[in-house]
């Protein structure tokens, strides 16, 4: 999945919200959404590439 960074840049300028705050907030929301899916890994995190907008969910498989 990719995030349209131009839209975030527009929000940054129009609403005076720091770009990094927007990205961090979206990363947190994506990680929380992932963790609510069946069989998700509890310590997963989301990362948005700040140059391309590509989203990666990082999850380490744990022994149960």
Foldseek 3Di string as FASTA:
>chain_A
DFDDVVVLVVCCVPVVDDSVVVQVVVFVVVQVVQCPDPPGAPPWTWDADNVTRDIDIDHDDDDD
